[in-house]
């Protein structure tokens, strides 16, 4: 089963700890959660974040 990094991050941000996430997503292992954080850190440091594509108030009116 394929699980998105954003799904794992959403659970972490919601306050779930590793054990709760593993209960929620039994196909994951602890190392997968750690790898999600590492992948995110690498994306941020490399400047390849999708947050740059989120609508800002200035651009929101141009998105249809």
PDB file of N, CA and C in Angstrom:
ATOM      1  N   UNK A   1       0.845  -1.177   0.000  1.00  0.00           N
ATOM      2  CA  UNK A   1       0.000   0.000   0.000  1.00  0.00           C
ATOM      3  C   UNK A   1       0.894   1.245   0.000  1.00  0.00           C
ATOM      4  N   UNK A   2       0.543   2.193  -0.800  1.00  0.00           N
ATOM      5  CA  UNK A   2       1.313   3.430  -0.906  1.00  0.00           C
ATOM      6  C   UNK A   2       0.697   4.477   0.029  1.00  0.00           C
ATOM      7  N   UNK A   3       1.539   5.053   0.867  1.00  0.00           N
ATOM      8  CA  UNK A   3       1.091   6.069   1.820  1.00  0.00           C
ATOM      9  C   UNK A   3       1.870   7.342   1.547  1.00  0.00           C
ATOM     10  N   UNK A   4       1.161   8.456   1.399  1.00  0.00           N
ATOM     11  CA  UNK A   4       1.814   9.728   1.092  1.00  0.00           C
ATOM     12  C   UNK A   4       2.504  10.295   2.331  1.00  0.00           C
ATOM     13  N   UNK A   5       3.612  10.965   2.090  1.00  0.00           N
ATOM     14  CA  UNK A   5       4.332  11.634   3.176  1.00  0.00           C
ATOM     15  C   UNK A   5       3.407  12.634   3.855  1.00  0.00           C
ATOM     16  N   UNK A   6       2.600  13.336   3.074  1.00  0.00           N
ATOM     17  CA  UNK A   6       1.712  14.339   3.656  1.00  0.00           C
ATOM     18  C   UNK A   6       0.703  13.720   4.618  1.00  0.00           C
ATOM     19  N   UNK A   7       0.288  12.475   4.352  1.00  0.00           N
ATOM     20  CA  UNK A   7      -0.629  11.804   5.277  1.00  0.00           C
ATOM     21  C   UNK A   7       0.045  11.558   6.625  1.00  0.00           C
ATOM     22  N   UNK A   8       1.298  11.141   6.588  1.00  0.00           N
ATOM     23  CA  UNK A   8       2.047  10.900   7.822  1.00  0.00           C
ATOM     24  C   UNK A   8       2.275  12.222   8.554  1.00  0.00           C
ATOM     25  N   UNK A   9       2.658  13.256   7.825  1.00  0.00           N
ATOM     26  CA  UNK A   9       2.887  14.560   8.444  1.00  0.00           C
ATOM     27  C   UNK A   9       1.608  15.121   9.053  1.00  0.00           C
ATOM     28  N   UNK A  10       0.481  14.934   8.377  1.00  0.00           N
ATOM     29  CA  UNK A  10      -0.798  15.405   8.920  1.00  0.00           C
ATOM     30  C   UNK A  10      -1.088  14.775  10.281  1.00  0.00           C
ATOM     31  N   UNK A  11      -0.789  13.497  10.412  1.00  0.00           N
ATOM     32  CA  UNK A  11      -1.019  12.824  11.688  1.00  0.00           C
ATOM     33  C   UNK A  11      -0.072  13.340  12.766  1.00  0.00           C
ATOM     34  N   UNK A  12       1.174  13.593  12.396  1.00  0.00           N
ATOM     35  CA  UNK A  12       2.130  14.149  13.357  1.00  0.00           C
ATOM     36  C   UNK A  12       1.696  15.539  13.813  1.00  0.00           C
ATOM     37  N   UNK A  13       1.278  16.360  12.856  1.00  0.00           N
ATOM     38  CA  UNK A  13       0.833  17.722  13.176  1.00  0.00           C
ATOM     39  C   UNK A  13      -0.425  17.682  14.045  1.00  0.00           C
ATOM     40  N   UNK A  14      -1.259  16.681  13.836  1.00  0.00           N
ATOM     41  CA  UNK A  14      -2.478  16.544  14.640  1.00  0.00           C
ATOM     42  C   UNK A  14      -2.174  16.115  16.077  1.00  0.00           C
ATOM     43  N   UNK A  15      -0.896  15.768  16.341  1.00  0.00           N
ATOM     44  CA  UNK A  15      -0.507  15.437  17.707  1.00  0.00           C
ATOM     45  C   UNK A  15      -0.365  13.956  17.997  1.00  0.00           C
ATOM     46  N   UNK A  16      -0.524  13.120  16.984  1.00  0.00           N
ATOM     47  CA  UNK A  16      -0.357  11.688  17.215  1.00  0.00           C
ATOM     48  C   UNK A  16       1.120  11.360  17.385  1.00  0.00           C
ATOM     49  N   UNK A  17       1.415  10.435  18.288  1.00  0.00           N
ATOM     50  CA  UNK A  17       2.791   9.986  18.433  1.00  0.00           C
ATOM     51  C   UNK A  17       3.031   8.800  17.494  1.00  0.00           C
ATOM     52  N   UNK A  18       4.267   8.325  17.464  1.00  0.00           N
ATOM     53  CA  UNK A  18       4.614   7.248  16.529  1.00  0.00           C
ATOM     54  C   UNK A  18       3.730   6.018  16.731  1.00  0.00           C
ATOM     55  N   UNK A  19       3.510   5.638  17.961  1.00  0.00           N
ATOM     56  CA  UNK A  19       2.707   4.431  18.226  1.00  0.00           C
ATOM     57  C   UNK A  19       1.283   4.596  17.720  1.00  0.00           C
ATOM     58  N   UNK A  20       0.714   5.766  17.914  1.00  0.00           N
ATOM     59  CA  UNK A  20      -0.653   6.011  17.438  1.00  0.00           C
ATOM     60  C   UNK A  20      -0.717   5.989  15.915  1.00  0.00           C
ATOM     61  N   UNK A  21       0.306   6.528  15.266  1.00  0.00           N
ATOM     62  CA  UNK A  21       0.347   6.506  13.806  1.00  0.00           C
ATOM     63  C   UNK A  21       0.482   5.075  13.301  1.00  0.00           C
ATOM     64  N   UNK A  22       1.310   4.293  13.967  1.00  0.00           N
ATOM     65  CA  UNK A  22       1.475   2.891  13.562  1.00  0.00           C
ATOM     66  C   UNK A  22       0.188   2.101  13.761  1.00  0.00           C
ATOM     67  N   UNK A  23      -0.577   2.434  14.793  1.00  0.00           N
ATOM     68  CA  UNK A  23      -1.876   1.787  14.992  1.00  0.00           C
ATOM     69  C   UNK A  23      -2.850   2.205  13.889  1.00  0.00           C
ATOM     70  N   UNK A  24      -2.774   3.483  13.505  1.00  0.00           N
ATOM     71  CA  UNK A  24      -3.660   4.034  12.476  1.00  0.00           C
ATOM     72  C   UNK A  24      -3.327   3.489  11.081  1.00  0.00           C
ATOM     73  N   UNK A  25      -2.034   3.282  10.835  1.00  0.00           N
ATOM     74  CA  UNK A  25      -1.548   2.819   9.528  1.00  0.00           C
ATOM     75  C   UNK A  25      -0.637   1.611   9.733  1.00  0.00           C
ATOM     76  N   UNK A  26      -1.209   0.432   9.858  1.00  0.00           N
ATOM     77  CA  UNK A  26      -0.422  -0.763  10.190  1.00  0.00           C
ATOM     78  C   UNK A  26       0.609  -1.159   9.124  1.00  0.00           C
ATOM     79  N   UNK A  27       0.490  -0.651   7.911  1.00  0.00           N
ATOM     80  CA  UNK A  27       1.479  -0.974   6.879  1.00  0.00           C
ATOM     81  C   UNK A  27       2.785  -0.208   7.084  1.00  0.00           C
ATOM     82  N   UNK A  28       2.765   0.818   7.924  1.00  0.00           N
ATOM     83  CA  UNK A  28       3.966   1.607   8.187  1.00  0.00           C
ATOM     84  C   UNK A  28       4.844   0.949   9.243  1.00  0.00           C
ATOM     85  N   UNK A  29       6.111   1.308   9.199  1.00  0.00           N
ATOM     86  CA  UNK A  29       7.047   0.951  10.259  1.00  0.00           C
ATOM     87  C   UNK A  29       7.617   2.244  10.818  1.00  0.00           C
ATOM     88  N   UNK A  30       8.202   2.178  11.998  1.00  0.00           N
ATOM     89  CA  UNK A  30       8.793   3.371  12.628  1.00  0.00           C
ATOM     90  C   UNK A  30       9.732   4.098  11.675  1.00  0.00           C
ATOM     91  N   UNK A  31      10.534   3.332  10.969  1.00  0.00           N
ATOM     92  CA  UNK A  31      11.512   3.917  10.048  1.00  0.00           C
ATOM     93  C   UNK A  31      10.835   4.727   8.945  1.00  0.00           C
ATOM     94  N   UNK A  32       9.632   4.340   8.569  1.00  0.00           N
ATOM     95  CA  UNK A  32       8.891   5.078   7.540  1.00  0.00           C
ATOM     96  C   UNK A  32       8.497   6.472   8.038  1.00  0.00           C
ATOM     97  N   UNK A  33       8.134   6.559   9.303  1.00  0.00           N
ATOM     98  CA  UNK A  33       7.756   7.851   9.877  1.00  0.00           C
ATOM     99  C   UNK A  33       8.983   8.756   9.936  1.00  0.00           C
ATOM    100  N   UNK A  34      10.096   8.197  10.383  1.00  0.00           N
ATOM    101  CA  UNK A  34      11.339   8.972  10.435  1.00  0.00           C
ATOM    102  C   UNK A  34      11.740   9.404   9.028  1.00  0.00           C
ATOM    103  N   UNK A  35      11.607   8.517   8.063  1.00  0.00           N
ATOM    104  CA  UNK A  35      11.964   8.830   6.676  1.00  0.00           C
ATOM    105  C   UNK A  35      11.071   9.943   6.126  1.00  0.00           C
ATOM    106  N   UNK A  36       9.816   9.989   6.538  1.00  0.00           N
ATOM    107  CA  UNK A  36       8.911  11.062   6.099  1.00  0.00           C
ATOM    108  C   UNK A  36       9.428  12.416   6.568  1.00  0.00           C
ATOM    109  N   UNK A  37       9.869  12.478   7.812  1.00  0.00           N
ATOM    110  CA  UNK A  37      10.427  13.721   8.331  1.00  0.00           C
ATOM    111  C   UNK A  37      11.711  14.104   7.620  1.00  0.00           C
ATOM    112  N   UNK A  38      12.564  13.123   7.373  1.00  0.00           N
ATOM    113  CA  UNK A  38      13.830  13.389   6.686  1.00  0.00           C
ATOM    114  C   UNK A  38      13.577  13.862   5.256  1.00  0.00           C
ATOM    115  N   UNK A  39      12.655  13.220   4.566  1.00  0.00           N
ATOM    116  CA  UNK A  39      12.321  13.611   3.192  1.00  0.00           C
ATOM    117  C   UNK A  39      11.826  15.057   3.164  1.00  0.00           C
ATOM    118  N   UNK A  40      10.958  15.398   4.129  1.00  0.00           N
ATOM    119  CA  UNK A  40      10.420  16.747   4.193  1.00  0.00           C
ATOM    120  C   UNK A  40      11.528  17.758   4.435  1.00  0.00           C
ATOM    121  N   UNK A  41      12.423  17.451   5.359  1.00  0.00           N
ATOM    122  CA  UNK A  41      13.551  18.348   5.635  1.00  0.00           C
ATOM    123  C   UNK A  41      14.385  18.569   4.379  1.00  0.00           C
ATOM    124  N   UNK A  42      14.665  17.509   3.654  1.00  0.00           N
ATOM    125  CA  UNK A  42      15.462  17.624   2.428  1.00  0.00           C
ATOM    126  C   UNK A  42      14.753  18.478   1.387  1.00  0.00           C
ATOM    127  N   UNK A  43      13.442  18.320   1.256  1.00  0.00           N
ATOM    128  CA  UNK A  43      12.679  19.124   0.300  1.00  0.00           C
ATOM    129  C   UNK A  43      12.703  20.604   0.667  1.00  0.00           C
ATOM    130  N   UNK A  44      12.578  20.888   1.948  1.00  0.00           N
ATOM    131  CA  UNK A  44      12.595  22.282   2.387  1.00  0.00           C
ATOM    132  C   UNK A  44      13.961  22.896   2.122  1.00  0.00           C
ATOM    133  N   UNK A  45      15.015  22.196   2.507  1.00  0.00           N
ATOM    134  CA  UNK A  45      16.369  22.732   2.338  1.00  0.00           C
ATOM    135  C   UNK A  45      16.744  22.858   0.869  1.00  0.00           C
ATOM    136  N   UNK A  46      16.190  22.021   0.018  1.00  0.00           N
ATOM    137  CA  UNK A  46      16.523  22.105  -1.405  1.00  0.00           C
ATOM    138  C   UNK A  46      15.682  23.166  -2.125  1.00  0.00           C
ATOM    139  N   UNK A  47      14.677  23.691  -1.442  1.00  0.00           N
ATOM    140  CA  UNK A  47      13.814  24.696  -2.054  1.00  0.00           C
ATOM    141  C   UNK A  47      12.725  24.105  -2.919  1.00  0.00           C
ATOM    142  N   UNK A  48      12.542  22.794  -2.889  1.00  0.00           N
ATOM    143  CA  UNK A  48      11.535  22.132  -3.728  1.00  0.00           C
ATOM    144  C   UNK A  48      10.275  21.844  -2.924  1.00  0.00           C
ATOM    145  N   UNK A  49       9.658  22.887  -2.432  1.00  0.00           N
ATOM    146  CA  UNK A  49       8.449  22.704  -1.648  1.00  0.00           C
ATOM    147  C   UNK A  49       7.230  23.085  -2.453  1.00  0.00           C
ATOM    148  N   UNK A  50       6.163  22.375  -2.270  1.00  0.00           N
ATOM    149  CA  UNK A  50       4.921  22.693  -2.974  1.00  0.00           C
ATOM    150  C   UNK A  50       4.227  23.882  -2.327  1.00  0.00           C
ATOM    151  N   UNK A  51       4.693  24.298  -1.128  1.00  0.00           N
ATOM    152  CA  UNK A  51       4.072  25.453  -0.480  1.00  0.00           C
ATOM    153  C   UNK A  51       4.216  26.692  -1.341  1.00  0.00           C
ATOM    154  N   UNK A  52       5.232  26.724  -2.177  1.00  0.00           N
ATOM    155  CA  UNK A  52       5.415  27.869  -3.052  1.00  0.00           C
ATOM    156  C   UNK A  52       4.269  27.975  -4.058  1.00  0.00           C
ATOM    157  N   UNK A  53       3.545  26.891  -4.246  1.00  0.00           N
ATOM    158  CA  UNK A  53       2.460  26.867  -5.219  1.00  0.00           C
ATOM    159  C   UNK A  53       1.101  27.156  -4.593  1.00  0.00           C
ATOM    160  N   UNK A  54       1.051  27.284  -3.270  1.00  0.00           N
ATOM    161  CA  UNK A  54      -0.220  27.553  -2.625  1.00  0.00           C
ATOM    162  C   UNK A  54      -0.684  28.967  -2.957  1.00  0.00           C
ATOM    163  N   UNK A  55      -1.986  29.159  -3.090  1.00  0.00           N
ATOM    164  CA  UNK A  55      -2.478  30.491  -3.416  1.00  0.00           C
ATOM    165  C   UNK A  55      -2.199  31.477  -2.290  1.00  0.00           C
ATOM    166  N   UNK A  56      -1.747  32.640  -2.639  1.00  0.00           N
ATOM    167  CA  UNK A  56      -1.575  33.726  -1.688  1.00  0.00           C
ATOM    168  C   UNK A  56      -2.727  34.693  -1.917  1.00  0.00           C
ATOM    169  N   UNK A  57      -2.989  35.585  -0.977  1.00  0.00           N
ATOM    170  CA  UNK A  57      -4.097  36.529  -1.205  1.00  0.00           C
ATOM    171  C   UNK A  57      -3.950  37.303  -2.521  1.00  0.00           C
ATOM    172  N   UNK A  58      -2.705  37.617  -2.896  1.00  0.00           N
ATOM    173  CA  UNK A  58      -2.496  38.366  -4.127  1.00  0.00           C
ATOM    174  C   UNK A  58      -2.822  37.525  -5.366  1.00  0.00           C
ATOM    175  N   UNK A  59      -2.543  36.214  -5.304  1.00  0.00           N
ATOM    176  CA  UNK A  59      -2.770  35.363  -6.476  1.00  0.00           C
ATOM    177  C   UNK A  59      -4.094  34.648  -6.444  1.00  0.00           C
ATOM    178  N   UNK A  60      -4.763  34.621  -5.305  1.00  0.00           N
ATOM    179  CA  UNK A  60      -6.000  33.837  -5.183  1.00  0.00           C
ATOM    180  C   UNK A  60      -7.047  34.259  -6.207  1.00  0.00           C
ATOM    181  N   UNK A  61      -7.117  35.525  -6.520  1.00  0.00           N
ATOM    182  CA  UNK A  61      -8.142  35.996  -7.457  1.00  0.00           C
ATOM    183  C   UNK A  61      -7.849  35.538  -8.896  1.00  0.00           C
ATOM    184  N   UNK A  62      -6.612  35.126  -9.174  1.00  0.00           N
ATOM    185  CA  UNK A  62      -6.280  34.698 -10.540  1.00  0.00           C
ATOM    186  C   UNK A  62      -6.487  33.197 -10.721  1.00  0.00           C
ATOM    187  N   UNK A  63      -6.732  32.473  -9.626  1.00  0.00           N
ATOM    188  CA  UNK A  63      -6.927  31.017  -9.724  1.00  0.00           C
ATOM    189  C   UNK A  63      -8.394  30.740 -10.004  1.00  0.00           C
ATOM    190  N   UNK A  64      -8.651  29.941 -11.033  1.00  0.00           N
ATOM    191  CA  UNK A  64     -10.028  29.661 -11.409  1.00  0.00           C
ATOM    192  C   UNK A  64     -10.363  28.215 -11.197  1.00  0.00           C
TER     193      UNK A  64
END
